[in-house]
PDB file of N, CA and C in Angstrom:
ATOM      1  N   MET A   1     -50.759 230.628  14.610  1.00  0.00           N
ATOM      2  CA  MET A   1     -51.106 229.623  15.580  1.00  0.00           C
ATOM      3  C   MET A   1     -51.160 230.277  16.954  1.00  0.00           C
ATOM      4  N   THR A   2     -52.177 229.992  17.706  1.00  0.00           N
ATOM      5  CA  THR A   2     -52.372 230.581  19.020  1.00  0.00           C
ATOM      6  C   THR A   2     -51.985 229.578  20.097  1.00  0.00           C
ATOM      7  N   ALA A   3     -51.234 230.048  21.090  1.00  0.00           N
ATOM      8  CA  ALA A   3     -50.854 229.178  22.212  1.00  0.00           C
ATOM      9  C   ALA A   3     -52.041 229.032  23.158  1.00  0.00           C
ATOM     10  N   VAL A   4     -52.243 227.822  23.626  1.00  0.00           N
ATOM     11  CA  VAL A   4     -53.304 227.557  24.594  1.00  0.00           C
ATOM     12  C   VAL A   4     -52.666 227.557  25.976  1.00  0.00           C
ATOM     13  N   MET A   5     -53.225 228.354  26.865  1.00  0.00           N
ATOM     14  CA  MET A   5     -52.678 228.459  28.209  1.00  0.00           C
ATOM     15  C   MET A   5     -53.553 227.664  29.174  1.00  0.00           C
ATOM     16  N   HIS A   6     -52.922 226.756  29.928  1.00  0.00           N
ATOM     17  CA  HIS A   6     -53.643 225.948  30.908  1.00  0.00           C
ATOM     18  C   HIS A   6     -53.602 226.663  32.257  1.00  0.00           C
ATOM     19  N   VAL A   7     -54.762 226.889  32.818  1.00  0.00           N
ATOM     20  CA  VAL A   7     -54.857 227.524  34.131  1.00  0.00           C
ATOM     21  C   VAL A   7     -55.286 226.458  35.132  1.00  0.00           C
ATOM     22  N   ALA A   8     -54.487 226.279  36.170  1.00  0.00           N
ATOM     23  CA  ALA A   8     -54.804 225.273  37.182  1.00  0.00           C
ATOM     24  C   ALA A   8     -56.050 225.668  37.955  1.00  0.00           C
ATOM     25  N   VAL A   9     -56.866 224.671  38.243  1.00  0.00           N
ATOM     26  CA  VAL A   9     -58.003 224.841  39.149  1.00  0.00           C
ATOM     27  C   VAL A   9     -57.511 224.366  40.505  1.00  0.00           C
ATOM     28  N   TRP A  10     -57.567 225.223  41.509  1.00  0.00           N
ATOM     29  CA  TRP A  10     -57.016 224.922  42.829  1.00  0.00           C
ATOM     30  C   TRP A  10     -58.101 224.410  43.763  1.00  0.00           C
ATOM     31  N   THR A  11     -57.803 223.297  44.454  1.00  0.00           N
ATOM     32  CA  THR A  11     -58.728 222.696  45.409  1.00  0.00           C
ATOM     33  C   THR A  11     -58.108 222.744  46.795  1.00  0.00           C
ATOM     34  N   PRO A  12     -58.791 223.346  47.785  1.00  0.00           N
ATOM     35  CA  PRO A  12     -58.263 223.340  49.154  1.00  0.00           C
ATOM     36  C   PRO A  12     -58.279 221.921  49.726  1.00  0.00           C
ATOM     37  N   VAL A  13     -57.186 221.561  50.438  1.00  0.00           N
ATOM     38  CA  VAL A  13     -57.055 220.221  51.000  1.00  0.00           C
ATOM     39  C   VAL A  13     -57.140 220.256  52.523  1.00  0.00           C
ATOM     40  N   CYS A  14     -56.320 221.082  53.154  1.00  0.00           N
ATOM     41  CA  CYS A  14     -56.287 221.174  54.612  1.00  0.00           C
ATOM     42  C   CYS A  14     -55.464 222.399  54.993  1.00  0.00           C
ATOM     43  N   ARG A  15     -55.433 222.711  56.267  1.00  0.00           N
ATOM     44  CA  ARG A  15     -54.575 223.795  56.745  1.00  0.00           C
ATOM     45  C   ARG A  15     -53.136 223.285  56.778  1.00  0.00           C
ATOM     46  N   PHE A  16     -52.197 224.143  56.445  1.00  0.00           N
ATOM     47  CA  PHE A  16     -50.785 223.769  56.446  1.00  0.00           C
ATOM     48  C   PHE A  16     -50.370 223.256  57.821  1.00  0.00           C
ATOM     49  N   ASP A  17     -50.833 223.907  58.874  1.00  0.00           N
ATOM     50  CA  ASP A  17     -50.459 223.520  60.237  1.00  0.00           C
ATOM     51  C   ASP A  17     -50.976 222.130  60.627  1.00  0.00           C
ATOM     52  N   ASP A  18     -51.964 221.607  59.889  1.00  0.00           N
ATOM     53  CA  ASP A  18     -52.481 220.268  60.175  1.00  0.00           C
ATOM     54  C   ASP A  18     -51.594 219.159  59.604  1.00  0.00           C
ATOM     55  N   LEU A  19     -50.692 219.522  58.698  1.00  0.00           N
ATOM     56  CA  LEU A  19     -49.791 218.534  58.110  1.00  0.00           C
ATOM     57  C   LEU A  19     -48.564 218.357  58.993  1.00  0.00           C
ATOM     58  N   LEU A  20     -48.215 217.123  59.280  1.00  0.00           N
ATOM     59  CA  LEU A  20     -47.013 216.832  60.050  1.00  0.00           C
ATOM     60  C   LEU A  20     -45.825 216.735  59.105  1.00  0.00           C
ATOM     61  N   PRO A  21     -44.658 217.267  59.506  1.00  0.00           N
ATOM     62  CA  PRO A  21     -43.467 217.138  58.667  1.00  0.00           C
ATOM     63  C   PRO A  21     -43.138 215.665  58.403  1.00  0.00           C
ATOM     64  N   GLU A  22     -42.736 215.398  57.176  1.00  0.00           N
ATOM     65  CA  GLU A  22     -42.334 214.053  56.740  1.00  0.00           C
ATOM     66  C   GLU A  22     -43.494 213.060  56.722  1.00  0.00           C
ATOM     67  N   ARG A  23     -44.700 213.569  56.616  1.00  0.00           N
ATOM     68  CA  ARG A  23     -45.895 212.713  56.555  1.00  0.00           C
ATOM     69  C   ARG A  23     -46.742 213.128  55.355  1.00  0.00           C
ATOM     70  N   GLY A  24     -47.593 212.219  54.922  1.00  0.00           N
ATOM     71  CA  GLY A  24     -48.481 212.498  53.817  1.00  0.00           C
ATOM     72  C   GLY A  24     -49.933 212.379  54.219  1.00  0.00           C
ATOM     73  N   VAL A  25     -50.788 212.980  53.417  1.00  0.00           N
ATOM     74  CA  VAL A  25     -52.241 212.832  53.553  1.00  0.00           C
ATOM     75  C   VAL A  25     -52.805 212.582  52.161  1.00  0.00           C
ATOM     76  N   ALA A  26     -53.919 211.889  52.108  1.00  0.00           N
ATOM     77  CA  ALA A  26     -54.594 211.633  50.839  1.00  0.00           C
ATOM     78  C   ALA A  26     -55.736 212.627  50.674  1.00  0.00           C
ATOM     79  N   ALA A  27     -55.945 213.047  49.430  1.00  0.00           N
ATOM     80  CA  ALA A  27     -57.039 213.963  49.118  1.00  0.00           C
ATOM     81  C   ALA A  27     -57.624 213.576  47.771  1.00  0.00           C
ATOM     82  N   LEU A  28     -58.900 213.848  47.602  1.00  0.00           N
ATOM     83  CA  LEU A  28     -59.563 213.605  46.333  1.00  0.00           C
ATOM     84  C   LEU A  28     -59.649 214.937  45.593  1.00  0.00           C
ATOM     85  N   ILE A  29     -58.979 215.000  44.447  1.00  0.00           N
ATOM     86  CA  ILE A  29     -58.973 216.207  43.624  1.00  0.00           C
ATOM     87  C   ILE A  29     -59.664 215.837  42.313  1.00  0.00           C
ATOM     88  N   GLY A  30     -60.928 216.210  42.197  1.00  0.00           N
ATOM     89  CA  GLY A  30     -61.713 215.740  41.059  1.00  0.00           C
ATOM     90  C   GLY A  30     -61.778 214.224  41.137  1.00  0.00           C
ATOM     91  N   PRO A  31     -61.448 213.539  40.044  1.00  0.00           N
ATOM     92  CA  PRO A  31     -61.467 212.070  40.066  1.00  0.00           C
ATOM     93  C   PRO A  31     -60.161 211.447  40.571  1.00  0.00           C
ATOM     94  N   ASP A  32     -59.164 212.277  40.871  1.00  0.00           N
ATOM     95  CA  ASP A  32     -57.832 211.775  41.218  1.00  0.00           C
ATOM     96  C   ASP A  32     -57.584 211.712  42.720  1.00  0.00           C
ATOM     97  N   GLN A  33     -57.032 210.580  43.188  1.00  0.00           N
ATOM     98  CA  GLN A  33     -56.522 210.506  44.552  1.00  0.00           C
ATOM     99  C   GLN A  33     -55.102 211.064  44.521  1.00  0.00           C
ATOM    100  N   VAL A  34     -54.839 212.019  45.408  1.00  0.00           N
ATOM    101  CA  VAL A  34     -53.550 212.699  45.447  1.00  0.00           C
ATOM    102  C   VAL A  34     -52.940 212.522  46.830  1.00  0.00           C
ATOM    103  N   ALA A  35     -51.632 212.301  46.863  1.00  0.00           N
ATOM    104  CA  ALA A  35     -50.877 212.227  48.117  1.00  0.00           C
ATOM    105  C   ALA A  35     -50.144 213.555  48.286  1.00  0.00           C
ATOM    106  N   VAL A  36     -50.412 214.247  49.382  1.00  0.00           N
ATOM    107  CA  VAL A  36     -49.804 215.551  49.661  1.00  0.00           C
ATOM    108  C   VAL A  36     -48.828 215.373  50.816  1.00  0.00           C
ATOM    109  N   PHE A  37     -47.612 215.869  50.643  1.00  0.00           N
ATOM    110  CA  PHE A  37     -46.558 215.694  51.636  1.00  0.00           C
ATOM    111  C   PHE A  37     -46.006 217.041  52.089  1.00  0.00           C
ATOM    112  N   ARG A  38     -45.774 217.147  53.403  1.00  0.00           N
ATOM    113  CA  ARG A  38     -45.046 218.277  53.962  1.00  0.00           C
ATOM    114  C   ARG A  38     -43.634 217.768  54.275  1.00  0.00           C
ATOM    115  N   LEU A  39     -42.637 218.396  53.686  1.00  0.00           N
ATOM    116  CA  LEU A  39     -41.256 217.980  53.883  1.00  0.00           C
ATOM    117  C   LEU A  39     -40.682 218.592  55.152  1.00  0.00           C
ATOM    118  N   HIS A  40     -39.512 218.132  55.554  1.00  0.00           N
ATOM    119  CA  HIS A  40     -38.896 218.598  56.803  1.00  0.00           C
ATOM    120  C   HIS A  40     -38.606 220.095  56.775  1.00  0.00           C
ATOM    121  N   ASP A  41     -38.380 220.653  55.579  1.00  0.00           N
ATOM    122  CA  ASP A  41     -38.075 222.079  55.461  1.00  0.00           C
ATOM    123  C   ASP A  41     -39.330 222.933  55.271  1.00  0.00           C
ATOM    124  N   GLY A  42     -40.507 222.318  55.353  1.00  0.00           N
ATOM    125  CA  GLY A  42     -41.763 223.047  55.177  1.00  0.00           C
ATOM    126  C   GLY A  42     -42.262 223.057  53.743  1.00  0.00           C
ATOM    127  N   GLY A  43     -41.464 222.513  52.824  1.00  0.00           N
ATOM    128  CA  GLY A  43     -41.900 222.442  51.433  1.00  0.00           C
ATOM    129  C   GLY A  43     -43.046 221.461  51.263  1.00  0.00           C
ATOM    130  N   LEU A  44     -43.797 221.641  50.214  1.00  0.00           N
ATOM    131  CA  LEU A  44     -44.941 220.775  49.912  1.00  0.00           C
ATOM    132  C   LEU A  44     -44.739 220.100  48.568  1.00  0.00           C
ATOM    133  N   ARG A  45     -45.223 218.870  48.463  1.00  0.00           N
ATOM    134  CA  ARG A  45     -45.221 218.144  47.206  1.00  0.00           C
ATOM    135  C   ARG A  45     -46.535 217.386  47.118  1.00  0.00           C
ATOM    136  N   ALA A  46     -46.995 217.163  45.883  1.00  0.00           N
ATOM    137  CA  ALA A  46     -48.221 216.392  45.662  1.00  0.00           C
ATOM    138  C   ALA A  46     -48.026 215.488  44.452  1.00  0.00           C
ATOM    139  N   ILE A  47     -48.321 214.205  44.643  1.00  0.00           N
ATOM    140  CA  ILE A  47     -48.222 213.216  43.570  1.00  0.00           C
ATOM    141  C   ILE A  47     -49.481 212.354  43.600  1.00  0.00           C
ATOM    142  N   GLY A  48     -49.662 211.555  42.561  1.00  0.00           N
ATOM    143  CA  GLY A  48     -50.765 210.604  42.558  1.00  0.00           C
ATOM    144  C   GLY A  48     -50.619 209.630  43.716  1.00  0.00           C
ATOM    145  N   ASN A  49     -51.710 209.249  44.320  1.00  0.00           N
ATOM    146  CA  ASN A  49     -51.678 208.371  45.487  1.00  0.00           C
ATOM    147  C   ASN A  49     -51.602 206.890  45.101  1.00  0.00           C
ATOM    148  N   ARG A  50     -51.842 206.570  43.836  1.00  0.00           N
ATOM    149  CA  ARG A  50     -51.846 205.165  43.392  1.00  0.00           C
ATOM    150  C   ARG A  50     -50.423 204.695  43.101  1.00  0.00           C
ATOM    151  N   ASP A  51     -50.024 203.633  43.787  1.00  0.00           N
ATOM    152  CA  ASP A  51     -48.740 202.991  43.541  1.00  0.00           C
ATOM    153  C   ASP A  51     -48.886 202.179  42.255  1.00  0.00           C
ATOM    154  N   PRO A  52     -48.182 202.562  41.175  1.00  0.00           N
ATOM    155  CA  PRO A  52     -48.378 201.861  39.913  1.00  0.00           C
ATOM    156  C   PRO A  52     -47.857 200.422  39.911  1.00  0.00           C
ATOM    157  N   VAL A  53     -46.992 200.067  40.833  1.00  0.00           N
ATOM    158  CA  VAL A  53     -46.463 198.696  40.898  1.00  0.00           C
ATOM    159  C   VAL A  53     -47.497 197.754  41.516  1.00  0.00           C
ATOM    160  N   SER A  54     -48.089 198.163  42.632  1.00  0.00           N
ATOM    161  CA  SER A  54     -49.064 197.295  43.307  1.00  0.00           C
ATOM    162  C   SER A  54     -50.503 197.580  42.891  1.00  0.00           C
ATOM    163  N   GLY A  55     -50.767 198.794  42.408  1.00  0.00           N
ATOM    164  CA  GLY A  55     -52.127 199.191  42.062  1.00  0.00           C
ATOM    165  C   GLY A  55     -52.922 199.733  43.240  1.00  0.00           C
ATOM    166  N   ALA A  56     -52.340 199.716  44.433  1.00  0.00           N
ATOM    167  CA  ALA A  56     -53.030 200.191  45.639  1.00  0.00           C
ATOM    168  C   ALA A  56     -52.856 201.701  45.796  1.00  0.00           C
ATOM    169  N   HIS A  57     -53.860 202.352  46.332  1.00  0.00           N
ATOM    170  CA  HIS A  57     -53.813 203.793  46.603  1.00  0.00           C
ATOM    171  C   HIS A  57     -53.240 204.006  48.001  1.00  0.00           C
ATOM    172  N   VAL A  58     -51.905 203.985  48.100  1.00  0.00           N
ATOM    173  CA  VAL A  58     -51.256 203.981  49.411  1.00  0.00           C
ATOM    174  C   VAL A  58     -50.045 204.910  49.541  1.00  0.00           C
ATOM    175  N   LEU A  59     -49.669 205.632  48.501  1.00  0.00           N
ATOM    176  CA  LEU A  59     -48.424 206.405  48.583  1.00  0.00           C
ATOM    177  C   LEU A  59     -48.450 207.463  49.679  1.00  0.00           C
ATOM    178  N   SER A  60     -49.624 207.959  50.034  1.00  0.00           N
ATOM    179  CA  SER A  60     -49.703 208.957  51.112  1.00  0.00           C
ATOM    180  C   SER A  60     -49.257 208.368  52.453  1.00  0.00           C
ATOM    181  N   ARG A  61     -49.231 207.049  52.557  1.00  0.00           N
ATOM    182  CA  ARG A  61     -48.813 206.377  53.795  1.00  0.00           C
ATOM    183  C   ARG A  61     -47.352 205.937  53.758  1.00  0.00           C
ATOM    184  N   GLY A  62     -46.649 206.298  52.687  1.00  0.00           N
ATOM    185  CA  GLY A  62     -45.264 205.887  52.524  1.00  0.00           C
ATOM    186  C   GLY A  62     -44.307 206.643  53.432  1.00  0.00           C
ATOM    187  N   VAL A  63     -43.074 206.158  53.449  1.00  0.00           N
ATOM    188  CA  VAL A  63     -42.007 206.767  54.247  1.00  0.00           C
ATOM    189  C   VAL A  63     -41.334 207.853  53.411  1.00  0.00           C
ATOM    190  N   VAL A  64     -41.318 209.078  53.945  1.00  0.00           N
ATOM    191  CA  VAL A  64     -40.720 210.219  53.254  1.00  0.00           C
ATOM    192  C   VAL A  64     -39.256 210.339  53.653  1.00  0.00           C
ATOM    193  N   GLY A  65     -38.418 210.628  52.686  1.00  0.00           N
ATOM    194  CA  GLY A  65     -36.992 210.799  52.948  1.00  0.00           C
ATOM    195  C   GLY A  65     -36.313 211.432  51.749  1.00  0.00           C
ATOM    196  N   THR A  66     -35.021 211.175  51.614  1.00  0.00           N
ATOM    197  CA  THR A  66     -34.270 211.677  50.463  1.00  0.00           C
ATOM    198  C   THR A  66     -33.410 210.556  49.902  1.00  0.00           C
ATOM    199  N   ARG A  67     -33.134 210.674  48.636  1.00  0.00           N
ATOM    200  CA  ARG A  67     -32.177 209.792  47.979  1.00  0.00           C
ATOM    201  C   ARG A  67     -31.378 210.670  47.025  1.00  0.00           C
ATOM    202  N   ALA A  68     -30.065 210.661  47.219  1.00  0.00           N
ATOM    203  CA  ALA A  68     -29.165 211.499  46.413  1.00  0.00           C
ATOM    204  C   ALA A  68     -29.608 212.970  46.462  1.00  0.00           C
ATOM    205  N   GLY A  69     -30.082 213.399  47.625  1.00  0.00           N
ATOM    206  CA  GLY A  69     -30.483 214.789  47.805  1.00  0.00           C
ATOM    207  C   GLY A  69     -31.854 215.145  47.267  1.00  0.00           C
ATOM    208  N   ARG A  70     -32.576 214.180  46.723  1.00  0.00           N
ATOM    209  CA  ARG A  70     -33.906 214.421  46.162  1.00  0.00           C
ATOM    210  C   ARG A  70     -34.976 213.941  47.134  1.00  0.00           C
ATOM    211  N   PRO A  71     -36.086 214.684  47.289  1.00  0.00           N
ATOM    212  CA  PRO A  71     -37.161 214.208  48.162  1.00  0.00           C
ATOM    213  C   PRO A  71     -37.885 213.023  47.512  1.00  0.00           C
ATOM    214  N   VAL A  72     -38.090 211.966  48.300  1.00  0.00           N
ATOM    215  CA  VAL A  72     -38.756 210.761  47.801  1.00  0.00           C
ATOM    216  C   VAL A  72     -39.747 210.246  48.824  1.00  0.00           C
ATOM    217  N   VAL A  73     -40.639 209.385  48.349  1.00  0.00           N
ATOM    218  CA  VAL A  73     -41.507 208.623  49.233  1.00  0.00           C
ATOM    219  C   VAL A  73     -41.354 207.164  48.833  1.00  0.00           C
ATOM    220  N   ALA A  74     -41.201 206.291  49.816  1.00  0.00           N
ATOM    221  CA  ALA A  74     -41.119 204.855  49.571  1.00  0.00           C
ATOM    222  C   ALA A  74     -42.502 204.255  49.759  1.00  0.00           C
ATOM    223  N   SER A  75     -42.951 203.531  48.765  1.00  0.00           N
ATOM    224  CA  SER A  75     -44.264 202.904  48.842  1.00  0.00           C
ATOM    225  C   SER A  75     -44.317 201.934  50.013  1.00  0.00           C
ATOM    226  N   PRO A  76     -45.405 201.944  50.767  1.00  0.00           N
ATOM    227  CA  PRO A  76     -45.523 200.991  51.874  1.00  0.00           C
ATOM    228  C   PRO A  76     -45.756 199.556  51.388  1.00  0.00           C
ATOM    229  N   MET A  77     -46.047 199.377  50.105  1.00  0.00           N
ATOM    230  CA  MET A  77     -46.321 198.027  49.588  1.00  0.00           C
ATOM    231  C   MET A  77     -45.029 197.257  49.310  1.00  0.00           C
ATOM    232  N   HIS A  78     -44.222 197.756  48.378  1.00  0.00           N
ATOM    233  CA  HIS A  78     -43.021 197.028  47.960  1.00  0.00           C
ATOM    234  C   HIS A  78     -41.757 197.872  48.078  1.00  0.00           C
ATOM    235  N   LYS A  79     -41.879 199.047  48.685  1.00  0.00           N
ATOM    236  CA  LYS A  79     -40.750 199.928  49.030  1.00  0.00           C
ATOM    237  C   LYS A  79     -40.084 200.625  47.851  1.00  0.00           C
ATOM    238  N   GLN A  80     -40.698 200.649  46.659  1.00  0.00           N
ATOM    239  CA  GLN A  80     -40.128 201.435  45.569  1.00  0.00           C
ATOM    240  C   GLN A  80     -40.169 202.903  45.955  1.00  0.00           C
ATOM    241  N   ALA A  81     -39.107 203.629  45.606  1.00  0.00           N
ATOM    242  CA  ALA A  81     -39.018 205.055  45.921  1.00  0.00           C
ATOM    243  C   ALA A  81     -39.467 205.875  44.720  1.00  0.00           C
ATOM    244  N   TYR A  82     -40.311 206.872  44.990  1.00  0.00           N
ATOM    245  CA  TYR A  82     -40.806 207.777  43.961  1.00  0.00           C
ATOM    246  C   TYR A  82     -40.283 209.182  44.245  1.00  0.00           C
ATOM    247  N   ASP A  83     -39.690 209.795  43.220  1.00  0.00           N
ATOM    248  CA  ASP A  83     -39.190 211.163  43.319  1.00  0.00           C
ATOM    249  C   ASP A  83     -40.391 212.102  43.445  1.00  0.00           C
ATOM    250  N   LEU A  84     -40.441 212.891  44.497  1.00  0.00           N
ATOM    251  CA  LEU A  84     -41.591 213.771  44.732  1.00  0.00           C
ATOM    252  C   LEU A  84     -41.611 214.985  43.817  1.00  0.00           C
ATOM    253  N   ASP A  85     -40.508 215.259  43.125  1.00  0.00           N
ATOM    254  CA  ASP A  85     -40.480 216.380  42.179  1.00  0.00           C
ATOM    255  C   ASP A  85     -40.886 215.965  40.771  1.00  0.00           C
ATOM    256  N   THR A  86     -40.525 214.748  40.366  1.00  0.00           N
ATOM    257  CA  THR A  86     -40.765 214.323  38.988  1.00  0.00           C
ATOM    258  C   THR A  86     -41.802 213.211  38.860  1.00  0.00           C
ATOM    259  N   GLY A  87     -42.060 212.478  39.947  1.00  0.00           N
ATOM    260  CA  GLY A  87     -42.964 211.336  39.898  1.00  0.00           C
ATOM    261  C   GLY A  87     -42.311 210.058  39.413  1.00  0.00           C
ATOM    262  N   SER A  88     -41.042 210.119  39.033  1.00  0.00           N
ATOM    263  CA  SER A  88     -40.335 208.936  38.530  1.00  0.00           C
ATOM    264  C   SER A  88     -40.042 207.956  39.656  1.00  0.00           C
ATOM    265  N   CYS A  89     -40.218 206.672  39.363  1.00  0.00           N
ATOM    266  CA  CYS A  89     -39.834 205.631  40.301  1.00  0.00           C
ATOM    267  C   CYS A  89     -38.338 205.397  40.136  1.00  0.00           C
ATOM    268  N   LEU A  90     -37.610 205.375  41.230  1.00  0.00           N
ATOM    269  CA  LEU A  90     -36.167 205.197  41.182  1.00  0.00           C
ATOM    270  C   LEU A  90     -35.773 203.726  41.175  1.00  0.00           C
ATOM    271  N   ASP A  91     -36.735 202.820  41.363  1.00  0.00           N
ATOM    272  CA  ASP A  91     -36.443 201.398  41.488  1.00  0.00           C
ATOM    273  C   ASP A  91     -37.139 200.521  40.446  1.00  0.00           C
ATOM    274  N   ALA A  92     -37.985 201.081  39.631  1.00  0.00           N
ATOM    275  CA  ALA A  92     -38.725 200.302  38.634  1.00  0.00           C
ATOM    276  C   ALA A  92     -39.106 201.229  37.488  1.00  0.00           C
ATOM    277  N   ASP A  93     -39.566 200.645  36.414  1.00  0.00           N
ATOM    278  CA  ASP A  93     -40.003 201.433  35.266  1.00  0.00           C
ATOM    279  C   ASP A  93     -41.457 201.846  35.496  1.00  0.00           C
ATOM    280  N   ALA A  94     -41.625 202.883  36.292  1.00  0.00           N
ATOM    281  CA  ALA A  94     -42.968 203.351  36.650  1.00  0.00           C
ATOM    282  C   ALA A  94     -42.903 204.847  36.932  1.00  0.00           C
ATOM    283  N   ARG A  95     -44.054 205.472  36.951  1.00  0.00           N
ATOM    284  CA  ARG A  95     -44.151 206.910  37.195  1.00  0.00           C
ATOM    285  C   ARG A  95     -45.528 207.214  37.775  1.00  0.00           C
ATOM    286  N   VAL A  96     -45.579 208.234  38.622  1.00  0.00           N
ATOM    287  CA  VAL A  96     -46.857 208.731  39.141  1.00  0.00           C
ATOM    288  C   VAL A  96     -47.006 210.183  38.701  1.00  0.00           C
ATOM    289  N   PRO A  97     -48.245 210.662  38.557  1.00  0.00           N
ATOM    290  CA  PRO A  97     -48.421 212.064  38.175  1.00  0.00           C
ATOM    291  C   PRO A  97     -48.006 213.002  39.306  1.00  0.00           C
ATOM    292  N   VAL A  98     -47.554 214.181  38.917  1.00  0.00           N
ATOM    293  CA  VAL A  98     -47.174 215.229  39.867  1.00  0.00           C
ATOM    294  C   VAL A  98     -48.204 216.348  39.737  1.00  0.00           C
ATOM    295  N   PHE A  99     -48.634 216.876  40.869  1.00  0.00           N
ATOM    296  CA  PHE A  99     -49.640 217.927  40.895  1.00  0.00           C
ATOM    297  C   PHE A  99     -49.021 219.208  41.463  1.00  0.00           C
ATOM    298  N   PRO A 100     -49.435 220.369  40.948  1.00  0.00           N
ATOM    299  CA  PRO A 100     -48.989 221.619  41.570  1.00  0.00           C
ATOM    300  C   PRO A 100     -49.617 221.760  42.949  1.00  0.00           C
ATOM    301  N   VAL A 101     -48.865 222.329  43.879  1.00  0.00           N
ATOM    302  CA  VAL A 101     -49.358 222.502  45.248  1.00  0.00           C
ATOM    303  C   VAL A 101     -48.854 223.841  45.763  1.00  0.00           C
ATOM    304  N   ARG A 102     -49.681 224.510  46.561  1.00  0.00           N
ATOM    305  CA  ARG A 102     -49.307 225.820  47.107  1.00  0.00           C
ATOM    306  C   ARG A 102     -49.987 226.030  48.449  1.00  0.00           C
ATOM    307  N   ILE A 103     -49.522 227.072  49.150  1.00  0.00           N
ATOM    308  CA  ILE A 103     -50.173 227.515  50.390  1.00  0.00           C
ATOM    309  C   ILE A 103     -50.785 228.875  50.106  1.00  0.00           C
ATOM    310  N   ARG A 104     -52.042 229.017  50.451  1.00  0.00           N
ATOM    311  CA  ARG A 104     -52.724 230.301  50.272  1.00  0.00           C
ATOM    312  C   ARG A 104     -53.515 230.595  51.539  1.00  0.00           C
ATOM    313  N   ASP A 105     -53.131 231.661  52.212  1.00  0.00           N
ATOM    314  CA  ASP A 105     -53.780 232.056  53.479  1.00  0.00           C
ATOM    315  C   ASP A 105     -53.766 230.912  54.492  1.00  0.00           C
ATOM    316  N   GLY A 106     -52.660 230.174  54.535  1.00  0.00           N
ATOM    317  CA  GLY A 106     -52.504 229.093  55.504  1.00  0.00           C
ATOM    318  C   GLY A 106     -53.156 227.785  55.111  1.00  0.00           C
ATOM    319  N   VAL A 107     -53.778 227.734  53.928  1.00  0.00           N
ATOM    320  CA  VAL A 107     -54.458 226.541  53.455  1.00  0.00           C
ATOM    321  C   VAL A 107     -53.660 225.919  52.300  1.00  0.00           C
ATOM    322  N   VAL A 108     -53.463 224.603  52.378  1.00  0.00           N
ATOM    323  CA  VAL A 108     -52.785 223.875  51.304  1.00  0.00           C
ATOM    324  C   VAL A 108     -53.796 223.649  50.187  1.00  0.00           C
ATOM    325  N   GLU A 109     -53.408 224.014  48.975  1.00  0.00           N
ATOM    326  CA  GLU A 109     -54.249 223.822  47.795  1.00  0.00           C
ATOM    327  C   GLU A 109     -53.495 223.000  46.769  1.00  0.00           C
ATOM    328  N   VAL A 110     -54.201 222.088  46.118  1.00  0.00           N
ATOM    329  CA  VAL A 110     -53.621 221.276  45.056  1.00  0.00           C
ATOM    330  C   VAL A 110     -54.299 221.671  43.757  1.00  0.00           C
ATOM    331  N   GLY A 111     -53.487 221.839  42.714  1.00  0.00           N
ATOM    332  CA  GLY A 111     -53.997 222.234  41.420  1.00  0.00           C
ATOM    333  C   GLY A 111     -54.216 221.042  40.510  1.00  0.00           C
ATOM    334  N   SER A 112     -55.027 221.263  39.504  1.00  0.00           N
ATOM    335  CA  SER A 112     -55.215 220.231  38.483  1.00  0.00           C
ATOM    336  C   SER A 112     -53.898 220.098  37.715  1.00  0.00           C
ATOM    337  N   PRO A 113     -53.585 218.885  37.270  1.00  0.00           N
ATOM    338  CA  PRO A 113     -52.298 218.682  36.570  1.00  0.00           C
ATOM    339  C   PRO A 113     -52.262 219.357  35.220  1.00  0.00           C
TER     340      PRO A 113
END
């Protein structure tokens, strides 16, 4: 049996310096709306932009913070918190996809999931 290796396709989103700490931006990666966040420590996270509770594409506009030491974003619709590392909702039975994200030559790139 041969292992199949998935190679991410990277899409440039914006320059790292254009992202404000503790803020998100929305980007279209193929057919997916993605919310990209720059954390206070300079780390990057990317999750699906669609809030599964409300159905609105608004997570990039949410409030970024921490809960129990984990980076989260609170949906601007109903305030459910989503873990930016796992995509799990901490307040409801819901989940958003998590996307790989990196900086290359000062440009933020998001990979296919």
